[in-house]
Protein backbone atom coordinates (compact mmCIF):
# COMPACT_ATOMS: atom_id res chain seq x y z
CA MET A 1 -103.60 132.12 201.09
CA HIS A 2 -106.94 133.81 199.19
CA TYR A 3 -109.94 134.03 200.99
CA LEU A 4 -113.68 133.97 199.52
CA SER A 5 -117.22 134.30 200.69
CA THR A 6 -119.50 132.47 201.19
CA ARG A 7 -122.24 135.09 199.10
CA ASN A 8 -119.70 135.42 196.65
CA ASN A 9 -117.26 132.40 195.57
CA GLN A 10 -115.17 134.28 192.99
CA LEU A 11 -113.93 136.92 195.83
CA ASN A 12 -110.00 136.52 196.23
CA GLU A 13 -108.84 138.41 199.50
CA SER A 14 -105.56 137.86 201.33
CA PHE A 15 -105.69 137.17 205.18
CA LEU A 16 -104.75 141.17 206.32
CA GLN A 17 -107.52 142.22 204.27
CA ILE A 18 -110.24 140.29 206.01
CA LEU A 19 -108.89 140.26 209.29
CA PHE A 20 -110.53 143.25 210.41
CA LYS A 21 -113.86 143.01 208.74
CA GLY A 22 -116.58 141.22 210.01
CA LEU A 23 -118.31 140.36 206.76
CA SER A 24 -117.49 140.67 203.11
CA TYR A 25 -119.23 143.64 201.73
CA ASP A 26 -121.90 141.34 200.06
CA GLY A 27 -123.04 140.48 203.85
CA GLY A 28 -121.38 136.91 203.31
CA LEU A 29 -118.97 135.04 205.97
CA PHE A 30 -115.39 134.62 204.58
CA LEU A 31 -113.79 131.11 203.83
CA PRO A 32 -110.25 129.69 202.70
CA LYS A 33 -109.94 128.91 198.65
CA ASN A 34 -108.71 125.87 199.95
CA TRP A 35 -108.14 124.16 202.82
CA PRO A 36 -104.42 123.32 203.90
CA ALA A 37 -103.28 119.72 204.92
CA ILE A 38 -101.49 119.40 208.42
CA ASN A 39 -98.83 116.13 208.75
CA LEU A 40 -100.18 114.62 212.42
CA LYS A 41 -97.10 112.88 212.58
CA ASP A 42 -94.67 116.31 212.50
CA LEU A 43 -97.46 117.48 215.97
CA LYS A 44 -96.71 114.32 217.96
CA GLY A 45 -95.12 115.57 221.49
CA LYS A 46 -95.43 119.30 220.38
CA THR A 47 -96.48 121.94 223.05
CA TYR A 48 -99.70 123.60 222.63
CA ASN A 49 -97.80 126.61 221.51
CA GLU A 50 -96.35 124.71 218.30
CA VAL A 51 -99.34 122.54 217.75
CA ALA A 52 -100.86 126.34 217.47
CA HIS A 53 -98.11 127.59 214.98
CA ALA A 54 -98.58 124.72 212.79
CA VAL A 55 -102.02 125.13 212.66
CA ILE A 56 -102.59 128.98 211.97
CA TYR A 57 -99.53 129.47 209.92
CA PRO A 58 -101.06 127.84 206.67
CA PHE A 59 -104.01 130.57 207.13
CA VAL A 60 -101.78 133.60 207.31
CA GLY A 61 -99.09 132.44 204.92
CA ASN A 62 -96.12 134.95 204.46
CA GLU A 63 -98.26 137.86 205.27
CA ILE A 64 -97.40 137.53 209.40
CA THR A 65 -93.44 136.22 209.51
CA ASN A 66 -93.11 132.66 211.09
CA GLU A 67 -91.01 134.44 213.56
CA ASP A 68 -93.87 137.25 214.40
CA LEU A 69 -96.42 134.71 214.85
CA LYS A 70 -94.64 132.64 217.11
CA HIS A 71 -93.89 135.40 219.13
CA ILE A 72 -97.77 136.39 219.12
CA ILE A 73 -98.71 132.48 220.03
CA THR A 74 -96.60 132.48 222.89
CA SER A 75 -97.95 135.94 224.46
CA THR A 76 -101.63 135.06 223.86
CA TYR A 77 -101.39 131.93 226.17
CA ASN A 78 -98.87 133.71 228.24
CA ASN A 79 -101.34 134.26 231.07
CA PHE A 80 -103.28 131.03 231.08
CA THR A 81 -103.32 129.16 234.24
CA HIS A 82 -102.67 125.51 233.35
CA PRO A 83 -99.80 124.36 231.88
CA ASP A 84 -101.40 122.04 229.62
CA ILE A 85 -103.31 125.40 228.25
CA ALA A 86 -106.43 123.22 227.53
CA PRO A 87 -105.82 119.77 229.46
CA LEU A 88 -108.04 116.66 228.69
CA VAL A 89 -109.31 115.07 231.89
CA ASN A 90 -110.41 110.86 231.37
CA VAL A 91 -114.09 110.38 233.17
CA GLU A 92 -114.39 107.00 232.10
CA ASN A 93 -113.34 104.42 229.42
CA ASN A 94 -112.87 106.43 226.47
CA LYS A 95 -114.89 109.33 227.52
CA TYR A 96 -112.92 112.41 228.51
CA ILE A 97 -113.70 115.84 229.06
CA LEU A 98 -111.54 118.64 227.50
CA GLU A 99 -111.52 121.53 230.00
CA LEU A 100 -111.28 125.32 227.83
CA PHE A 101 -111.80 127.36 231.08
CA TYR A 102 -108.10 128.53 231.97
CA GLY A 103 -107.59 131.68 230.43
CA PRO A 104 -108.16 135.43 231.99
CA THR A 105 -112.17 135.32 231.59
CA TYR A 106 -112.88 131.58 232.54
CA ALA A 107 -114.31 130.61 229.62
CA PHE A 108 -113.05 128.78 226.24
CA LYS A 109 -114.12 132.26 223.92
CA ASP A 110 -110.66 133.13 226.15
CA TYR A 111 -108.40 130.90 223.34
CA ALA A 112 -109.31 132.58 220.16
CA LEU A 113 -109.67 136.34 221.67
CA GLN A 114 -106.40 136.65 223.78
CA PHE A 115 -104.99 135.54 220.43
CA LEU A 116 -106.89 137.94 218.22
CA GLY A 117 -105.94 140.54 220.99
CA GLN A 118 -101.73 139.91 219.52
CA LEU A 119 -102.91 139.40 216.43
CA PHE A 120 -104.50 142.66 216.59
CA SER A 121 -101.96 144.83 218.05
CA HIS A 122 -99.07 143.45 216.39
CA VAL A 123 -100.63 144.70 212.63
CA LEU A 124 -101.74 147.68 213.79
CA LYS A 125 -98.38 148.66 215.16
CA ASN A 126 -97.52 148.20 211.58
CA ILE A 127 -99.54 149.61 209.99
CA ASN A 128 -100.57 153.21 212.41
CA LYS A 129 -104.22 152.06 211.91
CA LYS A 130 -106.92 152.89 214.91
CA ILE A 131 -110.36 150.89 214.79
CA THR A 132 -113.60 150.09 216.36
CA VAL A 133 -114.81 147.11 217.55
CA LEU A 134 -117.97 145.80 217.84
CA GLY A 135 -119.66 142.82 218.97
CA ALA A 136 -122.38 141.40 220.73
CA THR A 137 -122.25 138.82 223.25
CA SER A 138 -124.59 136.29 224.58
CA GLY A 139 -122.10 136.16 227.84
CA ASP A 140 -118.59 134.64 227.50
CA THR A 141 -117.36 136.65 224.12
CA GLY A 142 -118.21 140.12 225.38
CA SER A 143 -115.90 139.50 228.75
CA ALA A 144 -113.44 137.70 226.55
CA ALA A 145 -113.13 140.59 224.48
CA ILE A 146 -112.91 143.44 227.05
CA ASN A 147 -110.30 141.49 228.48
CA ALA A 148 -108.16 141.06 225.63
CA PHE A 149 -108.80 144.98 224.02
CA GLN A 150 -108.65 146.69 227.47
CA GLY A 151 -106.56 149.40 227.73
CA ARG A 152 -105.22 149.51 223.84
CA ASN A 153 -105.21 153.19 222.51
CA ASP A 154 -106.03 152.54 219.03
CA ILE A 155 -108.60 150.34 219.60
CA GLN A 156 -112.23 151.18 220.86
CA VAL A 157 -114.50 148.52 221.98
CA PHE A 158 -118.31 148.46 221.95
CA ILE A 159 -119.99 145.52 223.04
CA LEU A 160 -123.63 144.77 223.42
CA HIS A 161 -125.75 141.89 225.78
CA PRO A 162 -128.99 141.20 226.17
CA TYR A 163 -130.14 142.67 228.78
CA LYS A 164 -130.99 140.51 232.11
CA MET A 165 -130.21 137.17 229.91
CA VAL A 166 -126.57 136.45 231.44
CA SER A 167 -125.25 135.59 234.31
CA GLU A 168 -123.87 137.78 236.97
CA VAL A 169 -120.97 137.02 236.94
CA GLN A 170 -120.79 137.02 232.40
CA ARG A 171 -122.27 140.55 233.18
CA ARG A 172 -119.55 141.84 236.00
CA GLN A 173 -116.51 140.10 233.85
CA MET A 174 -117.74 142.76 231.19
CA THR A 175 -118.92 145.69 233.23
CA THR A 176 -116.51 146.36 236.05
CA THR A 177 -113.61 147.56 233.92
CA ASN A 178 -112.21 151.25 233.93
CA GLU A 179 -110.50 151.29 230.80
CA LYS A 180 -111.63 154.05 229.05
CA ASN A 181 -111.56 152.51 225.70
CA ILE A 182 -114.58 149.70 226.94
CA HIS A 183 -118.05 150.98 226.45
CA ASN A 184 -120.93 148.05 226.99
CA ILE A 185 -124.34 148.31 226.03
CA ALA A 186 -127.30 146.74 227.42
CA LEU A 187 -129.93 145.94 225.15
CA LYS A 188 -133.16 145.15 226.19
CA GLY A 189 -133.55 142.17 223.62
CA THR A 190 -132.28 138.84 223.05
CA PHE A 191 -129.14 138.22 221.87
CA ASP A 192 -130.36 137.82 218.39
CA ASP A 193 -130.85 141.05 218.62
CA CYS A 194 -127.90 142.15 219.47
CA GLN A 195 -126.58 140.28 216.55
CA ARG A 196 -128.99 141.73 214.21
CA ILE A 197 -127.56 145.14 214.99
CA VAL A 198 -124.43 144.29 215.35
CA LYS A 199 -124.73 142.65 211.71
CA ASN A 200 -126.57 145.60 210.41
CA LEU A 201 -124.24 148.53 211.78
CA PHE A 202 -121.35 146.87 209.90
CA ALA A 203 -123.64 147.96 206.82
CA ASN A 204 -124.12 151.31 207.91
CA LYS A 205 -122.37 153.68 205.54
CA GLU A 206 -122.62 156.53 207.68
CA LEU A 207 -120.98 154.43 210.53
CA GLN A 208 -118.39 153.00 208.21
CA SER A 209 -117.31 156.99 207.35
CA LYS A 210 -116.24 157.37 210.50
CA THR A 211 -114.29 154.85 211.61
CA SER A 212 -112.84 150.90 210.72
CA LEU A 213 -114.91 148.69 212.30
CA THR A 214 -113.81 145.37 213.00
CA ALA A 215 -116.15 142.02 214.27
CA ILE A 216 -114.68 140.11 217.10
CA ASN A 217 -117.55 137.56 217.30
CA SER A 218 -116.52 134.21 215.79
CA ILE A 219 -117.81 135.73 212.30
CA ASN A 220 -114.47 136.43 212.50
CA TRP A 221 -112.51 134.18 210.23
CA ALA A 222 -109.00 134.78 212.90
CA ARG A 223 -111.49 133.71 215.70
CA ILE A 224 -112.71 129.89 213.55
CA ILE A 225 -108.49 129.28 213.19
CA ALA A 226 -107.58 129.65 216.94
CA GLN A 227 -110.29 127.65 217.94
CA SER A 228 -109.25 124.62 215.62
CA VAL A 229 -105.87 124.31 217.59
CA TYR A 230 -107.81 123.13 221.04
CA TYR A 231 -109.09 120.00 218.29
CA PHE A 232 -105.74 119.28 217.30
CA TRP A 233 -104.23 119.13 220.98
CA ALA A 234 -107.23 116.65 222.46
CA TYR A 235 -106.48 114.28 219.69
CA LEU A 236 -102.61 114.75 219.77
CA GLN A 237 -103.41 113.79 224.13
CA LEU A 238 -104.75 110.60 223.34
CA ASP A 239 -102.67 108.99 220.70
CA LYS A 240 -105.07 106.89 219.12
CA LYS A 241 -106.37 106.46 215.62
CA SER A 242 -109.66 108.59 215.25
CA VAL A 243 -111.47 110.83 217.51
CA ASN A 244 -115.40 112.09 218.05
CA PHE A 245 -116.18 115.32 219.77
CA ILE A 246 -119.55 116.48 221.52
CA VAL A 247 -119.99 120.24 221.36
CA PRO A 248 -122.26 122.46 223.50
CA SER A 249 -123.33 125.09 221.06
CA GLY A 250 -125.04 128.43 220.06
CA ASN A 251 -123.56 130.52 217.45
CA PHE A 252 -122.15 127.62 215.35
CA GLY A 253 -118.31 129.04 215.71
CA ASN A 254 -116.92 125.69 217.84
CA ILE A 255 -118.59 123.08 216.16
CA PHE A 256 -117.25 124.64 212.65
CA SER A 257 -114.16 124.71 214.15
CA ALA A 258 -114.03 121.36 214.96
CA ARG A 259 -115.29 120.79 211.36
CA ILE A 260 -112.01 122.76 209.59
CA SER A 261 -110.20 120.65 211.57
CA LYS A 262 -111.43 117.77 209.68
CA TYR A 263 -110.64 119.31 206.26
CA MET A 264 -107.32 119.69 207.10
CA GLY A 265 -106.83 116.19 208.09
CA LEU A 266 -107.71 115.54 211.88
CA PRO A 267 -109.45 111.80 211.89
CA ILE A 268 -112.85 112.13 213.38
CA ASP A 269 -115.65 110.14 213.67
CA GLU A 270 -118.52 111.76 214.36
CA LEU A 271 -119.18 115.38 215.80
CA HIS A 272 -121.98 115.88 217.95
CA ILE A 273 -123.68 119.35 218.21
CA VAL A 274 -125.38 119.93 221.58
CA THR A 275 -128.07 122.42 221.53
CA ASN A 276 -130.25 123.32 225.15
CA GLU A 277 -133.84 124.18 224.57
CA ASN A 278 -132.94 126.78 221.62
CA ASP A 279 -133.05 124.23 219.86
CA ILE A 280 -132.86 125.39 216.27
CA LEU A 281 -129.39 123.81 214.98
CA HIS A 282 -131.21 120.39 215.79
CA ARG A 283 -134.02 120.60 213.78
CA THR A 284 -132.29 122.40 211.20
CA ILE A 285 -129.41 119.73 210.54
CA SER A 286 -131.93 116.54 211.91
CA PHE A 287 -135.28 117.60 210.05
CA GLY A 288 -134.68 120.25 208.19
CA ASP A 289 -136.44 123.07 209.94
CA MET A 290 -134.82 126.38 209.98
CA LYS A 291 -137.15 128.16 211.53
CA ILE A 292 -136.79 131.04 214.20
CA GLY A 293 -138.30 130.72 217.54
CA ASP A 294 -138.80 132.75 220.39
CA VAL A 295 -135.72 132.49 222.36
CA ILE A 296 -136.22 130.47 225.70
CA LYS A 297 -134.12 131.47 228.90
CA THR A 298 -131.94 128.89 230.47
CA TYR A 299 -129.23 127.99 232.71
CA SER A 300 -127.08 127.88 229.73
CA PRO A 301 -127.30 131.13 228.34
CA SER A 302 -124.30 131.50 226.12
CA MET A 303 -126.32 129.30 223.95
CA ASP A 304 -129.61 130.73 224.23
CA ILE A 305 -129.56 131.75 220.09
CA GLN A 306 -131.74 131.40 217.72
CA ILE A 307 -130.03 133.00 214.37
CA SER A 308 -126.53 130.83 214.74
CA SER A 309 -124.03 133.20 212.11
CA ASN A 310 -121.49 130.42 211.59
CA PHE A 311 -124.11 128.28 209.93
CA GLU A 312 -123.89 130.04 206.81
CA ARG A 313 -120.58 128.71 206.38
CA GLN A 314 -121.47 125.07 206.91
CA LEU A 315 -124.32 125.80 204.42
CA PHE A 316 -121.66 127.12 201.81
CA GLU A 317 -119.66 123.89 202.07
CA SER A 318 -122.82 121.47 202.13
CA ALA A 319 -123.97 123.13 199.09
CA ASN A 320 -121.00 122.37 197.34
CA ARG A 321 -119.75 125.98 197.98
CA ASN A 322 -122.40 127.50 195.67
CA SER A 323 -122.44 131.14 196.69
CA ASN A 324 -126.02 131.44 194.89
CA ALA A 325 -127.78 129.12 196.29
CA VAL A 326 -126.70 130.02 200.02
CA LYS A 327 -127.40 133.48 198.89
CA ARG A 328 -131.25 132.36 198.15
CA ILE A 329 -131.42 130.16 201.41
CA MET A 330 -130.23 132.97 203.29
CA LYS A 331 -132.60 135.77 201.60
CA SER A 332 -135.18 133.84 202.31
CA PHE A 333 -134.36 132.76 205.81
CA SER A 334 -133.90 136.59 206.44
CA ALA A 335 -137.11 138.06 205.25
CA LYS A 336 -139.50 135.15 206.20
CA GLY A 337 -137.64 133.75 209.66
CA LYS A 338 -137.79 130.22 208.41
CA GLU A 339 -136.65 128.06 205.79
CA THR A 340 -136.58 124.68 204.91
CA ILE A 341 -133.39 122.63 204.00
CA SER A 342 -133.51 119.74 201.69
CA GLY A 343 -131.78 117.58 199.27
CA GLU A 344 -128.34 117.25 198.92
CA ILE A 345 -127.32 119.67 201.04
CA LEU A 346 -129.53 118.73 204.15
CA LYS A 347 -128.52 114.84 203.49
CA ASP A 348 -124.34 116.51 203.41
CA LEU A 349 -125.61 118.08 206.77
CA GLN A 350 -126.23 114.95 208.26
CA SER A 351 -123.32 112.91 206.92
CA ILE A 352 -121.31 115.31 209.15
CA TYR A 353 -122.85 116.03 212.45
CA ILE A 354 -125.22 114.11 214.71
CA THR A 355 -127.81 116.61 216.93
CA HIS A 356 -129.13 116.74 220.23
CA SER A 357 -131.21 119.11 222.38
CA VAL A 358 -130.90 118.92 226.27
CA SER A 359 -133.76 120.18 228.45
CA ASN A 360 -132.82 122.62 231.66
CA ASP A 361 -133.79 120.25 233.77
CA GLU A 362 -131.68 117.27 231.92
CA THR A 363 -128.92 120.13 232.33
CA LEU A 364 -129.60 120.24 235.95
CA LYS A 365 -129.73 117.10 236.12
CA THR A 366 -126.71 116.45 234.68
CA ILE A 367 -124.22 118.85 236.45
CA LYS A 368 -125.65 116.22 239.47
CA LYS A 369 -124.87 113.47 238.00
CA PHE A 370 -121.23 113.71 237.15
CA ARG A 371 -120.51 115.21 240.38
CA ASP A 372 -121.76 112.23 242.33
CA LYS A 373 -120.50 109.75 240.44
CA ASN A 374 -117.03 111.13 238.81
CA ASN A 375 -116.34 113.70 241.39
CA TYR A 376 -116.91 116.39 238.72
CA LEU A 377 -118.56 119.33 238.56
CA SER A 378 -119.10 121.16 234.95
CA ASP A 379 -120.88 124.66 234.39
CA PRO A 380 -124.42 124.28 232.64
CA HIS A 381 -122.76 124.40 229.13
CA THR A 382 -120.85 121.81 229.69
CA ALA A 383 -123.77 119.81 231.28
CA THR A 384 -125.15 119.80 227.99
CA GLY A 385 -122.72 118.16 226.27
CA LEU A 386 -121.64 116.12 229.09
CA ASN A 387 -125.58 114.40 229.24
CA ILE A 388 -124.95 113.43 225.54
CA LEU A 389 -121.39 111.84 226.42
CA SER A 390 -123.26 109.97 229.70
CA LYS A 391 -125.71 108.35 227.00
CA ILE A 392 -123.75 106.87 223.98
CA ASN A 393 -121.31 104.02 223.75
CA CYS A 394 -117.71 105.13 223.55
CA ASN A 395 -116.03 102.44 220.92
CA THR A 396 -113.79 105.16 219.91
CA PRO A 397 -112.52 108.15 222.54
CA THR A 398 -115.24 110.85 222.29
CA VAL A 399 -113.93 114.25 223.55
CA SER A 400 -117.17 116.44 225.22
CA LEU A 401 -115.75 120.39 225.43
CA ALA A 402 -115.85 122.14 228.83
CA CYS A 403 -116.88 125.49 227.67
CA ALA A 404 -117.01 127.64 231.11
CA HIS A 405 -115.68 127.70 234.55
CA PRO A 406 -119.02 126.51 237.07
CA ALA A 407 -118.50 129.18 239.51
CA LYS A 408 -119.72 131.48 236.34
CA PHE A 409 -122.74 130.47 236.71
CA SER A 410 -123.84 129.89 240.44
CA GLU A 411 -127.24 129.76 239.98
CA ALA A 412 -127.50 126.74 238.27
CA ILE A 413 -125.04 124.76 240.17
CA ILE A 414 -127.17 126.07 243.71
CA LYS A 415 -129.91 124.58 241.63
CA ALA A 416 -128.06 121.31 240.72
CA ILE A 417 -126.28 120.15 244.13
CA ASN A 418 -127.56 122.91 246.29
CA GLU A 419 -124.29 124.12 247.02
CA LYS A 420 -122.01 126.75 246.14
CA PRO A 421 -119.67 126.24 243.70
CA GLU A 422 -116.15 127.43 244.92
CA MET A 423 -115.32 130.79 243.47
CA PRO A 424 -111.81 131.91 241.91
CA ASN A 425 -110.74 135.23 244.05
CA ILE A 426 -110.67 137.20 240.48
CA LEU A 427 -114.16 136.21 239.96
CA ASN A 428 -115.19 136.85 243.46
CA SER A 429 -113.50 140.64 243.59
CA LEU A 430 -115.69 141.83 240.50
CA PHE A 431 -118.72 141.77 243.41
CA ASP A 432 -116.91 144.47 245.08
CA CYS A 433 -116.49 146.74 241.72
CA GLN A 434 -118.62 149.29 240.50
CA GLU A 435 -120.00 148.49 236.93
CA ASN A 436 -120.05 150.67 233.96
CA MET A 437 -122.85 150.54 231.23
CA ILE A 438 -125.62 151.70 229.53
CA ILE A 439 -129.07 150.40 229.21
CA LEU A 440 -130.35 151.14 225.60
CA GLU A 441 -134.03 150.07 223.70
CA ASN A 442 -133.87 147.37 220.87
CA ASP A 443 -133.47 150.04 218.40
CA ILE A 444 -130.25 150.08 215.73
CA ASN A 445 -130.38 154.22 215.58
CA LEU A 446 -130.11 154.77 219.70
CA VAL A 447 -127.04 151.98 219.13
CA LYS A 448 -125.39 154.16 216.57
CA SER A 449 -126.24 157.30 217.59
CA HIS A 450 -124.21 156.23 221.40
CA ILE A 451 -121.21 155.12 219.06
CA LEU A 452 -120.80 157.90 217.18
CA ASN A 453 -121.04 160.55 220.07
CA LEU A 454 -118.28 158.36 221.94
CA ILE A 455 -115.79 157.61 218.72
């Protein structure tokens, strides 16, 4: 398997060549030259680990042996707390919830980042190399990355999160580790500011000359393929002709993982994207209005995003893999903060995705509705998807993704049902631990200097 860039469709790199890179040298994101086909019949009755191997292996090819990949996958999910890894819950006729919070940090990001941690360790051990992991988080990515990489001597980890714009549990999951290779930066800005600084640092020659920078955000291709696994897993549990998915979305990585599952042969009828009041994805796909607005603070902070990095991958596909067209769109969007998507590209986007925006008030009402009607307590991100699940008629089995454990967002839960969610012991213990982070102004030079002083 070889890889091109969304801004250079003539690029031809291997899996191991792109593994530690965040962006291509041209600023684009990596995609495979072709989409492998999965034989669904071969996956029936398989375990989650076996499905993961079948889905991931074609993207890796012979660069990692079959046996080594099996060992990496087994190690990835060893400490997940549910025997099914990602259980499917039937709430009503043809309406399901795929629970993705049984990893060590109680969020769906664990499914990809635990894999990335094991994969990095395996490869670094064989090439005797040290790297610096650099990431931006709107909440859950940071804690999942820290858990996956903490204590590793060959990996230094720097995570930027928006100061006072993540939940207390999310913050404490990041800041209470005492491992020397973990460095938390609270940036006085939004997640988009964090993400912009990280992207620009990947292009910074001074920093690149001092260390090997590696991305762990969903711009890293290995994360996307790991997330594709649970879409196949959900379909296989249903054993139906086809399936619909509802995906709460921020940075577009999770929904694009569903899209590539369809490229690989998964019979998906409808893909629903759900945003909160930060609705740029909804506006872009429904109306062609790709325009940055002010970030609105909501009860679903991981979705408080205006610039969705992975959307460039879908633009590339919708532009019929025309990298010049993508470069024009992204250059204009970067310069002006807005771009109109029209013509065949918009038509293709609308043929793939159905989009929705759910308000803060609707989110809280949905949490209460599902608790009262179905005895099911969801976190606020999950609730944005459940809001749509409750409204649509489902002739085809429809699966809405549960993104995180409700205990991570106690404030929203208390407002919704006037009751505190039950807190797992691991999360409860965070409140007794000392926090370690540095608070920085929204300035790339300050962040760069801080990193250079510590590597």
